[in-house]
Amino acid sequence: MNRRDLDRALSRWRDHDLLSEEQAHAIAVFEAAERGESEDAPREERPGLAAGSMLAYAGVLVALGAVLGLYVTVLSEASPSVQLGISWLIVAVGLGLTFGASRLPAGAAMTDALGFATAVLVGWAAMQTFDVAGWLDDRNVDEDVRQMRMAWMLTGVAVAAVGWLLARRFSPMAALAASAATVWTAAAAIWIFAAPEREGPGTVGGQVAVIVGFGLALIGAIAPKVIGIDERARTWLLVGALGGANIAGFIIAVGDGGVFEGLLLAYALGLGVAALGLRSRVILVFAAITLYEYVGVVVFRTFDGAVAAIIILALVGLGTAIGGTLVQRGLADRFVPHFR
């Protein structure tokens, strides 16, 4: 068994609680010693395997885009019932392809992308269902407005449920759709129950989305087994949860200003501390993105969008690039922990 196969096997056994982390590490060290190499030596990967995985992801995501384009163009002229039937038929096909690809010897990448695509298609089909039921009609009648908002929330619930189920067994990437939908659902619930007079979830809904996103990311970072996902799914969970929280926080900062601008800086610093403590690249990236957003908002407000604001942002970006280069050269190894 080569190293890559061993790593896959150990990961699968850990995910099913057949081995502890310590046992898996001990086996990896022993096998590395038998091969006469360091356990920390870089893993070899066949170029064809990496290229094939990328093609599988790209192909499925292009197909997803084509299907959504089909909905918007050709099917837009069809009757609502026809659109609804085709939407759920495509979801069924997506699920079937996901299960089938999972049985292929080298179908992990295709299965991963198909699971994510299926979760997205569930969201579209759910909205089609509510449209046919008349829940998306907004005629300024209280009951209609409440039904429309319920439709948004229940769509989020559907995507989150399907995404979590697929992420636990077949598709780590589906955790991206599931975590983003969970943040969406939290904001939609606030829109229904705490901001009934507003046209959107509002400031309260946005802050709830931020809190839920950060909380979900924290659970995924420190206790992924609580929600039954593996290491790769945890990465996608972090991307979806932090991405949702970041978008909500940025929209509030731009729209309301004031203390919410300061909260962007607080979010960035908090994420930076969490990234260092948890040694997570994903969290570190979102800490940097949030910091850039804070600097951008402050600079553009201060200079009212003048050329000076653009120059300052360019200098900040170049400074970050130079700092990243220094870290890559090993100049910060004594101060910066190794990130996962």
C-alpha atoms as a PDB file:
ATOM      1  CA  MET A   1       0.000   0.000   0.000  1.00  0.00           C
ATOM      2  CA  ASN A   2       1.474   3.369  -1.023  1.00  0.00           C
ATOM      3  CA  ARG A   3       1.359   6.415   1.219  1.00  0.00           C
ATOM      4  CA  ARG A   4      -1.630   8.033  -0.442  1.00  0.00           C
ATOM      5  CA  ASP A   5      -3.749   4.883  -0.149  1.00  0.00           C
ATOM      6  CA  LEU A   6      -2.684   4.515   3.469  1.00  0.00           C
ATOM      7  CA  ASP A   7      -3.702   8.095   4.256  1.00  0.00           C
ATOM      8  CA  ARG A   8      -7.108   7.526   2.683  1.00  0.00           C
ATOM      9  CA  ALA A   9      -7.623   4.300   4.582  1.00  0.00           C
ATOM     10  CA  LEU A  10      -6.590   5.828   7.907  1.00  0.00           C
ATOM     11  CA  SER A  11      -8.882   8.811   7.326  1.00  0.00           C
ATOM     12  CA  ARG A  12     -11.811   6.530   6.540  1.00  0.00           C
ATOM     13  CA  TRP A  13     -11.172   4.381   9.622  1.00  0.00           C
ATOM     14  CA  ARG A  14     -10.929   7.475  11.841  1.00  0.00           C
ATOM     15  CA  ASP A  15     -14.193   8.818  10.436  1.00  0.00           C
ATOM     16  CA  HIS A  16     -15.926   5.547  11.408  1.00  0.00           C
ATOM     17  CA  ASP A  17     -14.314   5.547  14.899  1.00  0.00           C
ATOM     18  CA  LEU A  18     -12.345   2.372  14.175  1.00  0.00           C
ATOM     19  CA  LEU A  19      -9.091   4.138  15.056  1.00  0.00           C
ATOM     20  CA  SER A  20      -8.197   7.019  17.337  1.00  0.00           C
ATOM     21  CA  GLU A  21      -6.059   9.916  16.138  1.00  0.00           C
ATOM     22  CA  GLU A  22      -3.125   8.550  18.163  1.00  0.00           C
ATOM     23  CA  GLN A  23      -3.435   5.058  16.663  1.00  0.00           C
ATOM     24  CA  ALA A  24      -3.668   6.419  13.127  1.00  0.00           C
ATOM     25  CA  HIS A  25      -0.590   8.563  13.683  1.00  0.00           C
ATOM     26  CA  ALA A  26       1.328   5.622  15.116  1.00  0.00           C
ATOM     27  CA  ILE A  27       0.482   3.476  12.083  1.00  0.00           C
ATOM     28  CA  ALA A  28       1.527   6.272   9.713  1.00  0.00           C
ATOM     29  CA  VAL A  29       4.845   6.685  11.543  1.00  0.00           C
ATOM     30  CA  PHE A  30       5.496   2.935  11.497  1.00  0.00           C
ATOM     31  CA  GLU A  31       4.751   2.581   7.779  1.00  0.00           C
ATOM     32  CA  ALA A  32       6.893   5.630   6.977  1.00  0.00           C
ATOM     33  CA  ALA A  33       9.786   4.080   8.901  1.00  0.00           C
ATOM     34  CA  GLU A  34       9.344   0.813   7.009  1.00  0.00           C
ATOM     35  CA  ARG A  35       9.628   2.739   3.747  1.00  0.00           C
ATOM     36  CA  GLY A  36      12.664   4.599   5.024  1.00  0.00           C
ATOM     37  CA  GLU A  37      11.096   8.070   4.883  1.00  0.00           C
ATOM     38  CA  SER A  38       9.990  10.683   7.368  1.00  0.00           C
ATOM     39  CA  GLU A  39       6.351  10.644   8.375  1.00  0.00           C
ATOM     40  CA  ASP A  40       6.285  14.378   7.614  1.00  0.00           C
ATOM     41  CA  ALA A  41       7.706  13.921   4.110  1.00  0.00           C
ATOM     42  CA  PRO A  42       5.581  15.482   1.368  1.00  0.00           C
ATOM     43  CA  ARG A  43       2.957  13.166  -0.004  1.00  0.00           C
ATOM     44  CA  GLU A  44       3.386  12.085  -3.576  1.00  0.00           C
ATOM     45  CA  GLU A  45       0.460  12.536  -5.880  1.00  0.00           C
ATOM     46  CA  ARG A  46       0.260  11.394  -9.457  1.00  0.00           C
ATOM     47  CA  PRO A  47      -0.217  14.382 -11.797  1.00  0.00           C
ATOM     48  CA  GLY A  48      -2.934  12.522 -13.648  1.00  0.00           C
ATOM     49  CA  LEU A  49      -4.894  11.976 -10.452  1.00  0.00           C
ATOM     50  CA  ALA A  50      -4.776  15.662  -9.489  1.00  0.00           C
ATOM     51  CA  ALA A  51      -5.700  16.766 -13.012  1.00  0.00           C
ATOM     52  CA  GLY A  52      -8.545  14.246 -13.149  1.00  0.00           C
ATOM     53  CA  SER A  53      -9.947  15.531  -9.851  1.00  0.00           C
ATOM     54  CA  MET A  54      -9.874  19.108 -11.073  1.00  0.00           C
ATOM     55  CA  LEU A  55     -11.624  18.121 -14.301  1.00  0.00           C
ATOM     56  CA  ALA A  56     -14.290  16.251 -12.323  1.00  0.00           C
ATOM     57  CA  TYR A  57     -15.005  19.284 -10.140  1.00  0.00           C
ATOM     58  CA  ALA A  58     -14.966  21.672 -13.081  1.00  0.00           C
ATOM     59  CA  GLY A  59     -17.187  19.440 -15.218  1.00  0.00           C
ATOM     60  CA  VAL A  60     -19.870  19.038 -12.570  1.00  0.00           C
ATOM     61  CA  LEU A  61     -19.905  22.740 -11.694  1.00  0.00           C
ATOM     62  CA  VAL A  62     -20.160  23.685 -15.381  1.00  0.00           C
ATOM     63  CA  ALA A  63     -23.072  21.246 -15.701  1.00  0.00           C
ATOM     64  CA  LEU A  64     -24.695  22.879 -12.655  1.00  0.00           C
ATOM     65  CA  GLY A  65     -24.368  26.275 -14.312  1.00  0.00           C
ATOM     66  CA  ALA A  66     -25.886  24.891 -17.499  1.00  0.00           C
ATOM     67  CA  VAL A  67     -28.874  23.468 -15.616  1.00  0.00           C
ATOM     68  CA  LEU A  68     -29.500  26.779 -13.837  1.00  0.00           C
ATOM     69  CA  GLY A  69     -29.193  28.517 -17.199  1.00  0.00           C
ATOM     70  CA  LEU A  70     -31.773  26.076 -18.571  1.00  0.00           C
ATOM     71  CA  TYR A  71     -34.184  27.094 -15.820  1.00  0.00           C
ATOM     72  CA  VAL A  72     -33.757  30.793 -16.555  1.00  0.00           C
ATOM     73  CA  THR A  73     -34.013  30.542 -20.341  1.00  0.00           C
ATOM     74  CA  VAL A  74     -35.875  27.597 -21.864  1.00  0.00           C
ATOM     75  CA  LEU A  75     -37.964  26.538 -18.873  1.00  0.00           C
ATOM     76  CA  SER A  76     -39.007  30.085 -17.998  1.00  0.00           C
ATOM     77  CA  GLU A  77     -41.642  29.807 -20.742  1.00  0.00           C
ATOM     78  CA  ALA A  78     -43.048  26.530 -19.413  1.00  0.00           C
ATOM     79  CA  SER A  79     -45.955  26.295 -17.013  1.00  0.00           C
ATOM     80  CA  PRO A  80     -45.166  26.402 -13.266  1.00  0.00           C
ATOM     81  CA  SER A  81     -46.170  22.760 -12.803  1.00  0.00           C
ATOM     82  CA  VAL A  82     -43.830  21.645 -15.610  1.00  0.00           C
ATOM     83  CA  GLN A  83     -40.983  23.672 -14.124  1.00  0.00           C
ATOM     84  CA  LEU A  84     -41.675  22.137 -10.718  1.00  0.00           C
ATOM     85  CA  GLY A  85     -41.691  18.581 -12.039  1.00  0.00           C
ATOM     86  CA  ILE A  86     -38.472  19.040 -14.014  1.00  0.00           C
ATOM     87  CA  SER A  87     -36.781  20.710 -11.046  1.00  0.00           C
ATOM     88  CA  TRP A  88     -37.415  17.789  -8.697  1.00  0.00           C
ATOM     89  CA  LEU A  89     -36.606  15.298 -11.456  1.00  0.00           C
ATOM     90  CA  ILE A  90     -33.176  16.916 -11.850  1.00  0.00           C
ATOM     91  CA  VAL A  91     -32.699  16.762  -8.071  1.00  0.00           C
ATOM     92  CA  ALA A  92     -33.478  13.030  -8.186  1.00  0.00           C
ATOM     93  CA  VAL A  93     -31.007  12.572 -11.035  1.00  0.00           C
ATOM     94  CA  GLY A  94     -28.388  14.493  -9.063  1.00  0.00           C
ATOM     95  CA  LEU A  95     -28.899  12.268  -6.019  1.00  0.00           C
ATOM     96  CA  GLY A  96     -28.705   9.144  -8.174  1.00  0.00           C
ATOM     97  CA  LEU A  97     -25.493  10.300  -9.816  1.00  0.00           C
ATOM     98  CA  THR A  98     -24.024  11.151  -6.419  1.00  0.00           C
ATOM     99  CA  PHE A  99     -24.762   7.688  -5.026  1.00  0.00           C
ATOM    100  CA  GLY A 100     -23.527   6.024  -8.209  1.00  0.00           C
ATOM    101  CA  ALA A 101     -20.289   8.022  -8.374  1.00  0.00           C
ATOM    102  CA  SER A 102     -19.566   7.170  -4.740  1.00  0.00           C
ATOM    103  CA  ARG A 103     -19.220   3.514  -5.764  1.00  0.00           C
ATOM    104  CA  LEU A 104     -16.645   4.203  -8.454  1.00  0.00           C
ATOM    105  CA  PRO A 105     -13.013   3.392  -7.525  1.00  0.00           C
ATOM    106  CA  ALA A 106     -11.827   6.913  -8.416  1.00  0.00           C
ATOM    107  CA  GLY A 107     -15.092   8.789  -8.109  1.00  0.00           C
ATOM    108  CA  ALA A 108     -14.402  10.802  -4.935  1.00  0.00           C
ATOM    109  CA  ALA A 109     -14.003  14.158  -6.690  1.00  0.00           C
ATOM    110  CA  MET A 110     -17.067  13.646  -8.891  1.00  0.00           C
ATOM    111  CA  THR A 111     -19.115  12.532  -5.883  1.00  0.00           C
ATOM    112  CA  ASP A 112     -17.989  15.571  -3.926  1.00  0.00           C
ATOM    113  CA  ALA A 113     -18.978  18.042  -6.646  1.00  0.00           C
ATOM    114  CA  LEU A 114     -22.246  16.236  -7.386  1.00  0.00           C
ATOM    115  CA  GLY A 115     -23.278  16.382  -3.734  1.00  0.00           C
ATOM    116  CA  PHE A 116     -22.723  20.134  -3.630  1.00  0.00           C
ATOM    117  CA  ALA A 117     -24.587  20.623  -6.916  1.00  0.00           C
ATOM    118  CA  THR A 118     -27.510  18.539  -5.663  1.00  0.00           C
ATOM    119  CA  ALA A 119     -27.810  20.616  -2.493  1.00  0.00           C
ATOM    120  CA  VAL A 120     -27.941  23.790  -4.617  1.00  0.00           C
ATOM    121  CA  LEU A 121     -30.564  22.239  -6.903  1.00  0.00           C
ATOM    122  CA  VAL A 122     -32.690  21.347  -3.873  1.00  0.00           C
ATOM    123  CA  GLY A 123     -32.774  25.045  -3.027  1.00  0.00           C
ATOM    124  CA  TRP A 124     -33.954  25.924  -6.522  1.00  0.00           C
ATOM    125  CA  ALA A 125     -36.592  23.166  -6.538  1.00  0.00           C
ATOM    126  CA  ALA A 126     -37.860  24.252  -3.121  1.00  0.00           C
ATOM    127  CA  MET A 127     -38.320  27.822  -4.347  1.00  0.00           C
ATOM    128  CA  GLN A 128     -40.159  26.481  -7.408  1.00  0.00           C
ATOM    129  CA  THR A 129     -42.432  24.538  -5.067  1.00  0.00           C
ATOM    130  CA  PHE A 130     -43.282  27.608  -3.012  1.00  0.00           C
ATOM    131  CA  ASP A 131     -43.822  29.599  -6.207  1.00  0.00           C
ATOM    132  CA  VAL A 132     -46.390  27.075  -7.450  1.00  0.00           C
ATOM    133  CA  ALA A 133     -48.049  27.144  -4.028  1.00  0.00           C
ATOM    134  CA  GLY A 134     -48.378  30.930  -4.341  1.00  0.00           C
ATOM    135  CA  TRP A 135     -46.114  31.714  -1.385  1.00  0.00           C
ATOM    136  CA  LEU A 136     -43.839  34.013  -3.375  1.00  0.00           C
ATOM    137  CA  ASP A 137     -46.619  36.443  -4.288  1.00  0.00           C
ATOM    138  CA  ASP A 138     -46.148  39.763  -2.504  1.00  0.00           C
ATOM    139  CA  ARG A 139     -49.204  41.987  -2.876  1.00  0.00           C
ATOM    140  CA  ASN A 140     -48.622  43.973   0.314  1.00  0.00           C
ATOM    141  CA  VAL A 141     -51.001  41.717   2.163  1.00  0.00           C
ATOM    142  CA  ASP A 142     -49.735  40.628   5.561  1.00  0.00           C
ATOM    143  CA  GLU A 143     -50.434  36.947   4.976  1.00  0.00           C
ATOM    144  CA  ASP A 144     -48.726  36.975   1.555  1.00  0.00           C
ATOM    145  CA  VAL A 145     -45.647  38.703   2.928  1.00  0.00           C
ATOM    146  CA  ARG A 146     -45.393  36.236   5.809  1.00  0.00           C
ATOM    147  CA  GLN A 147     -45.714  33.277   3.419  1.00  0.00           C
ATOM    148  CA  MET A 148     -42.973  34.691   1.192  1.00  0.00           C
ATOM    149  CA  ARG A 149     -40.620  35.012   4.144  1.00  0.00           C
ATOM    150  CA  MET A 150     -41.523  31.519   5.342  1.00  0.00           C
ATOM    151  CA  ALA A 151     -40.616  30.263   1.866  1.00  0.00           C
ATOM    152  CA  TRP A 152     -37.135  31.774   2.135  1.00  0.00           C
ATOM    153  CA  MET A 153     -36.621  30.248   5.572  1.00  0.00           C
ATOM    154  CA  LEU A 154     -37.914  26.775   4.669  1.00  0.00           C
ATOM    155  CA  THR A 155     -35.772  26.747   1.522  1.00  0.00           C
ATOM    156  CA  GLY A 156     -32.752  27.362   3.723  1.00  0.00           C
ATOM    157  CA  VAL A 157     -33.830  24.529   6.001  1.00  0.00           C
ATOM    158  CA  ALA A 158     -34.172  22.153   3.036  1.00  0.00           C
ATOM    159  CA  VAL A 159     -30.733  22.977   1.614  1.00  0.00           C
ATOM    160  CA  ALA A 160     -29.120  22.749   5.055  1.00  0.00           C
ATOM    161  CA  ALA A 161     -30.715  19.351   5.775  1.00  0.00           C
ATOM    162  CA  VAL A 162     -29.769  17.813   2.427  1.00  0.00           C
ATOM    163  CA  GLY A 163     -26.303  19.365   2.550  1.00  0.00           C
ATOM    164  CA  TRP A 164     -25.556  18.003   6.015  1.00  0.00           C
ATOM    165  CA  LEU A 165     -26.762  14.514   5.099  1.00  0.00           C
ATOM    166  CA  LEU A 166     -24.616  14.436   1.950  1.00  0.00           C
ATOM    167  CA  ALA A 167     -21.599  15.922   3.736  1.00  0.00           C
ATOM    168  CA  ARG A 168     -21.697  13.276   6.461  1.00  0.00           C
ATOM    169  CA  ARG A 169     -21.481  10.368   4.036  1.00  0.00           C
ATOM    170  CA  PHE A 170     -20.736  11.267   0.434  1.00  0.00           C
ATOM    171  CA  SER A 171     -19.766  14.849  -0.332  1.00  0.00           C
ATOM    172  CA  PRO A 172     -17.562  17.000   1.930  1.00  0.00           C
ATOM    173  CA  MET A 173     -18.201  19.971  -0.380  1.00  0.00           C
ATOM    174  CA  ALA A 174     -21.914  19.781   0.393  1.00  0.00           C
ATOM    175  CA  ALA A 175     -21.013  21.177   3.825  1.00  0.00           C
ATOM    176  CA  LEU A 176     -20.399  24.501   2.059  1.00  0.00           C
ATOM    177  CA  ALA A 177     -24.009  24.678   0.891  1.00  0.00           C
ATOM    178  CA  ALA A 178     -25.276  23.379   4.240  1.00  0.00           C
ATOM    179  CA  SER A 179     -23.406  25.878   6.405  1.00  0.00           C
ATOM    180  CA  ALA A 180     -24.240  28.840   4.158  1.00  0.00           C
ATOM    181  CA  ALA A 181     -27.907  27.765   4.159  1.00  0.00           C
ATOM    182  CA  THR A 182     -27.863  27.541   7.961  1.00  0.00           C
ATOM    183  CA  VAL A 183     -26.697  31.155   8.189  1.00  0.00           C
ATOM    184  CA  TRP A 184     -29.336  32.132   5.598  1.00  0.00           C
ATOM    185  CA  THR A 185     -32.043  30.341   7.626  1.00  0.00           C
ATOM    186  CA  ALA A 186     -31.111  32.197  10.802  1.00  0.00           C
ATOM    187  CA  ALA A 187     -31.436  35.572   9.065  1.00  0.00           C
ATOM    188  CA  ALA A 188     -34.726  34.554   7.436  1.00  0.00           C
ATOM    189  CA  ALA A 189     -36.157  33.447  10.782  1.00  0.00           C
ATOM    190  CA  ILE A 190     -35.383  36.870  12.258  1.00  0.00           C
ATOM    191  CA  TRP A 191     -37.025  38.463   9.212  1.00  0.00           C
ATOM    192  CA  ILE A 192     -40.223  36.558  10.003  1.00  0.00           C
ATOM    193  CA  PHE A 193     -40.415  36.898  13.761  1.00  0.00           C
ATOM    194  CA  ALA A 194     -38.351  39.947  14.802  1.00  0.00           C
ATOM    195  CA  ALA A 195     -38.502  42.313  11.816  1.00  0.00           C
ATOM    196  CA  PRO A 196     -41.995  41.875  10.340  1.00  0.00           C
ATOM    197  CA  GLU A 197     -42.226  45.514   9.199  1.00  0.00           C
ATOM    198  CA  ARG A 198     -38.939  45.580   7.262  1.00  0.00           C
ATOM    199  CA  GLU A 199     -38.301  44.692   3.609  1.00  0.00           C
ATOM    200  CA  GLY A 200     -35.304  42.593   4.642  1.00  0.00           C
ATOM    201  CA  PRO A 201     -33.896  40.888   7.750  1.00  0.00           C
ATOM    202  CA  GLY A 202     -32.453  44.244   8.849  1.00  0.00           C
ATOM    203  CA  THR A 203     -29.677  44.935  11.300  1.00  0.00           C
ATOM    204  CA  VAL A 204     -30.890  42.421  13.856  1.00  0.00           C
ATOM    205  CA  GLY A 205     -31.162  39.683  11.253  1.00  0.00           C
ATOM    206  CA  GLY A 206     -27.707  40.473   9.927  1.00  0.00           C
ATOM    207  CA  GLN A 207     -26.135  40.325  13.359  1.00  0.00           C
ATOM    208  CA  VAL A 208     -27.872  37.029  14.079  1.00  0.00           C
ATOM    209  CA  ALA A 209     -26.458  35.699  10.806  1.00  0.00           C
ATOM    210  CA  VAL A 210     -22.968  36.794  11.893  1.00  0.00           C
ATOM    211  CA  ILE A 211     -23.336  35.146  15.297  1.00  0.00           C
ATOM    212  CA  VAL A 212     -24.707  31.913  13.838  1.00  0.00           C
ATOM    213  CA  GLY A 213     -21.945  31.831  11.219  1.00  0.00           C
ATOM    214  CA  PHE A 214     -19.212  32.311  13.808  1.00  0.00           C
ATOM    215  CA  GLY A 215     -20.794  29.782  16.157  1.00  0.00           C
ATOM    216  CA  LEU A 216     -21.105  27.177  13.433  1.00  0.00           C
ATOM    217  CA  ALA A 217     -17.503  27.780  12.365  1.00  0.00           C
ATOM    218  CA  LEU A 218     -16.349  27.379  15.964  1.00  0.00           C
ATOM    219  CA  ILE A 219     -18.126  24.035  16.290  1.00  0.00           C
ATOM    220  CA  GLY A 220     -16.659  22.880  12.997  1.00  0.00           C
ATOM    221  CA  ALA A 221     -13.163  23.963  14.004  1.00  0.00           C
ATOM    222  CA  ILE A 222     -13.004  22.418  17.457  1.00  0.00           C
ATOM    223  CA  ALA A 223     -15.610  19.634  17.465  1.00  0.00           C
ATOM    224  CA  PRO A 224     -16.472  18.484  13.929  1.00  0.00           C
ATOM    225  CA  LYS A 225     -17.577  15.078  15.194  1.00  0.00           C
ATOM    226  CA  VAL A 226     -20.487  16.768  16.946  1.00  0.00           C
ATOM    227  CA  ILE A 227     -22.068  17.213  13.526  1.00  0.00           C
ATOM    228  CA  GLY A 228     -20.517  14.054  12.098  1.00  0.00           C
ATOM    229  CA  ILE A 229     -18.231  15.411   9.375  1.00  0.00           C
ATOM    230  CA  ASP A 230     -14.639  14.632   8.407  1.00  0.00           C
ATOM    231  CA  GLU A 231     -11.616  16.889   7.913  1.00  0.00           C
ATOM    232  CA  ARG A 232     -12.366  17.867   4.311  1.00  0.00           C
ATOM    233  CA  ALA A 233     -15.983  18.639   5.089  1.00  0.00           C
ATOM    234  CA  ARG A 234     -14.862  20.779   8.019  1.00  0.00           C
ATOM    235  CA  THR A 235     -12.910  23.013   5.635  1.00  0.00           C
ATOM    236  CA  TRP A 236     -15.971  23.547   3.448  1.00  0.00           C
ATOM    237  CA  LEU A 237     -18.099  24.135   6.544  1.00  0.00           C
ATOM    238  CA  LEU A 238     -15.733  26.910   7.632  1.00  0.00           C
ATOM    239  CA  VAL A 239     -15.850  28.499   4.179  1.00  0.00           C
ATOM    240  CA  GLY A 240     -19.667  28.514   4.107  1.00  0.00           C
ATOM    241  CA  ALA A 241     -20.186  29.645   7.704  1.00  0.00           C
ATOM    242  CA  LEU A 242     -17.516  32.353   7.716  1.00  0.00           C
ATOM    243  CA  GLY A 243     -18.485  33.446   4.208  1.00  0.00           C
ATOM    244  CA  GLY A 244     -22.103  33.928   5.253  1.00  0.00           C
ATOM    245  CA  ALA A 245     -21.091  35.774   8.415  1.00  0.00           C
ATOM    246  CA  ASN A 246     -18.664  37.950   6.462  1.00  0.00           C
ATOM    247  CA  ILE A 247     -21.246  38.985   3.863  1.00  0.00           C
ATOM    248  CA  ALA A 248     -23.813  39.820   6.544  1.00  0.00           C
ATOM    249  CA  GLY A 249     -21.321  41.820   8.620  1.00  0.00           C
ATOM    250  CA  PHE A 250     -20.071  43.768   5.602  1.00  0.00           C
ATOM    251  CA  ILE A 251     -23.580  44.670   4.426  1.00  0.00           C
ATOM    252  CA  ILE A 252     -24.479  46.003   7.875  1.00  0.00           C
ATOM    253  CA  ALA A 253     -21.227  47.976   8.146  1.00  0.00           C
ATOM    254  CA  VAL A 254     -21.779  49.622   4.768  1.00  0.00           C
ATOM    255  CA  GLY A 255     -25.489  50.248   5.292  1.00  0.00           C
ATOM    256  CA  ASP A 256     -25.583  51.363   8.926  1.00  0.00           C
ATOM    257  CA  GLY A 257     -22.008  52.532   9.577  1.00  0.00           C
ATOM    258  CA  GLY A 258     -21.189  53.744  13.071  1.00  0.00           C
ATOM    259  CA  VAL A 259     -20.526  51.019  15.584  1.00  0.00           C
ATOM    260  CA  PHE A 260     -20.959  48.333  12.935  1.00  0.00           C
ATOM    261  CA  GLU A 261     -17.844  49.558  11.141  1.00  0.00           C
ATOM    262  CA  GLY A 262     -15.947  49.046  14.389  1.00  0.00           C
ATOM    263  CA  LEU A 263     -17.426  45.593  14.719  1.00  0.00           C
ATOM    264  CA  LEU A 264     -15.795  44.642  11.397  1.00  0.00           C
ATOM    265  CA  LEU A 265     -12.422  45.380  12.984  1.00  0.00           C
ATOM    266  CA  ALA A 266     -13.402  43.410  16.086  1.00  0.00           C
ATOM    267  CA  TYR A 267     -14.436  40.477  13.891  1.00  0.00           C
ATOM    268  CA  ALA A 268     -11.117  40.613  12.024  1.00  0.00           C
ATOM    269  CA  LEU A 269      -9.062  40.661  15.211  1.00  0.00           C
ATOM    270  CA  GLY A 270     -11.137  37.896  16.783  1.00  0.00           C
ATOM    271  CA  LEU A 271     -10.775  35.711  13.706  1.00  0.00           C
ATOM    272  CA  GLY A 272      -7.037  36.372  13.671  1.00  0.00           C
ATOM    273  CA  VAL A 273      -6.700  35.212  17.270  1.00  0.00           C
ATOM    274  CA  ALA A 274      -8.856  32.158  16.532  1.00  0.00           C
ATOM    275  CA  ALA A 275      -6.759  31.335  13.457  1.00  0.00           C
ATOM    276  CA  LEU A 276      -3.554  31.429  15.480  1.00  0.00           C
ATOM    277  CA  GLY A 277      -5.060  29.395  18.304  1.00  0.00           C
ATOM    278  CA  LEU A 278      -6.675  26.791  16.067  1.00  0.00           C
ATOM    279  CA  ARG A 279      -3.942  26.948  13.392  1.00  0.00           C
ATOM    280  CA  SER A 280      -6.517  27.215  10.645  1.00  0.00           C
ATOM    281  CA  ARG A 281      -5.688  28.659   7.228  1.00  0.00           C
ATOM    282  CA  VAL A 282      -9.351  29.132   6.352  1.00  0.00           C
ATOM    283  CA  ILE A 283     -10.037  31.256   9.432  1.00  0.00           C
ATOM    284  CA  LEU A 284      -6.854  33.236   8.793  1.00  0.00           C
ATOM    285  CA  VAL A 285      -7.980  34.011   5.236  1.00  0.00           C
ATOM    286  CA  PHE A 286     -11.347  35.297   6.458  1.00  0.00           C
ATOM    287  CA  ALA A 287      -9.611  37.352   9.149  1.00  0.00           C
ATOM    288  CA  ALA A 288      -7.598  39.039   6.395  1.00  0.00           C
ATOM    289  CA  ILE A 289     -10.670  39.538   4.186  1.00  0.00           C
ATOM    290  CA  THR A 290     -12.611  41.129   7.054  1.00  0.00           C
ATOM    291  CA  LEU A 291      -9.691  43.394   7.887  1.00  0.00           C
ATOM    292  CA  TYR A 292      -9.469  44.529   4.260  1.00  0.00           C
ATOM    293  CA  GLU A 293     -13.200  45.228   4.267  1.00  0.00           C
ATOM    294  CA  TYR A 294     -12.849  47.333   7.410  1.00  0.00           C
ATOM    295  CA  VAL A 295      -9.944  49.302   5.936  1.00  0.00           C
ATOM    296  CA  GLY A 296     -11.854  49.744   2.676  1.00  0.00           C
ATOM    297  CA  VAL A 297     -15.016  51.011   4.374  1.00  0.00           C
ATOM    298  CA  VAL A 298     -13.127  53.448   6.601  1.00  0.00           C
ATOM    299  CA  VAL A 299     -10.897  54.737   3.802  1.00  0.00           C
ATOM    300  CA  PHE A 300     -13.750  55.256   1.360  1.00  0.00           C
ATOM    301  CA  ARG A 301     -15.864  57.013   3.967  1.00  0.00           C
ATOM    302  CA  THR A 302     -12.936  59.217   4.998  1.00  0.00           C
ATOM    303  CA  PHE A 303     -11.912  60.204   1.481  1.00  0.00           C
ATOM    304  CA  ASP A 304     -15.414  59.972  -0.003  1.00  0.00           C
ATOM    305  CA  GLY A 305     -14.267  57.520  -2.690  1.00  0.00           C
ATOM    306  CA  ALA A 306     -11.409  59.735  -3.892  1.00  0.00           C
ATOM    307  CA  VAL A 307      -8.284  58.526  -5.682  1.00  0.00           C
ATOM    308  CA  ALA A 308      -6.401  58.635  -2.361  1.00  0.00           C
ATOM    309  CA  ALA A 309      -8.656  55.845  -1.052  1.00  0.00           C
ATOM    310  CA  ILE A 310      -7.771  53.613  -3.981  1.00  0.00           C
ATOM    311  CA  ILE A 311      -4.048  54.301  -3.526  1.00  0.00           C
ATOM    312  CA  ILE A 312      -4.218  53.462   0.185  1.00  0.00           C
ATOM    313  CA  LEU A 313      -6.027  50.201  -0.509  1.00  0.00           C
ATOM    314  CA  ALA A 314      -3.437  49.309  -3.149  1.00  0.00           C
ATOM    315  CA  LEU A 315      -0.629  49.925  -0.652  1.00  0.00           C
ATOM    316  CA  VAL A 316      -2.387  47.770   1.951  1.00  0.00           C
ATOM    317  CA  GLY A 317      -2.747  44.967  -0.591  1.00  0.00           C
ATOM    318  CA  LEU A 318       0.904  45.182  -1.648  1.00  0.00           C
ATOM    319  CA  GLY A 319       2.009  45.232   1.976  1.00  0.00           C
ATOM    320  CA  THR A 320       0.039  42.079   2.641  1.00  0.00           C
ATOM    321  CA  ALA A 321       1.531  40.381  -0.418  1.00  0.00           C
ATOM    322  CA  ILE A 322       5.054  41.273   0.738  1.00  0.00           C
ATOM    323  CA  GLY A 323       4.292  39.984   4.230  1.00  0.00           C
ATOM    324  CA  GLY A 324       2.966  36.720   2.822  1.00  0.00           C
ATOM    325  CA  THR A 325       6.123  36.328   0.754  1.00  0.00           C
ATOM    326  CA  LEU A 326       8.279  36.809   3.840  1.00  0.00           C
ATOM    327  CA  VAL A 327       6.302  34.153   5.677  1.00  0.00           C
ATOM    328  CA  GLN A 328       6.738  31.750   2.753  1.00  0.00           C
ATOM    329  CA  ARG A 329      10.490  32.363   2.874  1.00  0.00           C
ATOM    330  CA  GLY A 330      10.491  31.037   6.418  1.00  0.00           C
ATOM    331  CA  LEU A 331      11.277  34.351   8.148  1.00  0.00           C
ATOM    332  CA  ALA A 332       8.282  34.017  10.480  1.00  0.00           C
ATOM    333  CA  ASP A 333       8.590  30.341  11.420  1.00  0.00           C
ATOM    334  CA  ARG A 334       9.586  31.205  14.968  1.00  0.00           C
ATOM    335  CA  PHE A 335       6.532  33.369  15.535  1.00  0.00           C
ATOM    336  CA  VAL A 336       3.759  31.960  13.328  1.00  0.00           C
ATOM    337  CA  PRO A 337       2.411  28.446  14.031  1.00  0.00           C
ATOM    338  CA  HIS A 338       2.058  25.899  11.261  1.00  0.00           C
ATOM    339  CA  PHE A 339      -1.455  26.128   9.879  1.00  0.00           C
ATOM    340  CA  ARG A 340      -3.653  23.257   8.791  1.00  0.00           C
END
